[in-house]
Amino acid sequence: MKRPLLLIPAIVFAVMAVLLAVGLNLNPREVPSPLIGKPVPAFELSRLKDPQATLGSADLTGRVSLLNVWATWCVSCRAEHKLLMALAETGEVDIYGLNYKDERDAALRWLQVYGDPYVANAFDDDGRVGIDWGVYGTPETFVIDGDGVVRHKVIGPLSADIVNERILPLVRQLKSRG
């Protein structure tokens, strides 16, 4: 009668060890987004370069596009910026920016120094729109279809492999649907 009770700590330990092993093998960049398959969150912010003009969710419909969340204080954003410049030069997909919790002057200087791959940038100085998008940190990039539905999210800096193996094939697939 006492022997089965003695096995309970061993069983609990084994279950916890299995859960830990599974957790250690998960990719932290593969956090599922609740926005996948849903319309982009409604927003309208002033544009970075022209505070009198706005950029909002309505601007992200009608064609396949990317929304890149970035900031000048983000080291990883600097690492992916050349890749964004190269991607923009291909003309395969429009890239919009969401400048997140940044200083407008610093962001404008950044784009002047490193180049501007964006069709337009929304200026999210307090980060509230970023919260609606479920942003964990910068950089993050969303693939948006022509209907304004979020189809994919990349957490962290883009790499050539991510762009060539995941982003561009998805962009081409979404474009072929019309």
Foldseek 3Di string as FASTA:
>chain_A
DVVVVVCVVVVVVVVVVVVVVVVVPDDPQPDDDPQAQHFQDWDWAAWLVGSVHIDTLVNCAQAKAKEKEDEPVDPLCVVQLVVLQVVLVVVLHAYEYEDALYDSVSVVVCCVVSNDSHPTYGYHNPRPSVVVRVQPDPTKMFIAANHRGTNDMTHTHDDPCCCVPPVNVVNVVRRVVD
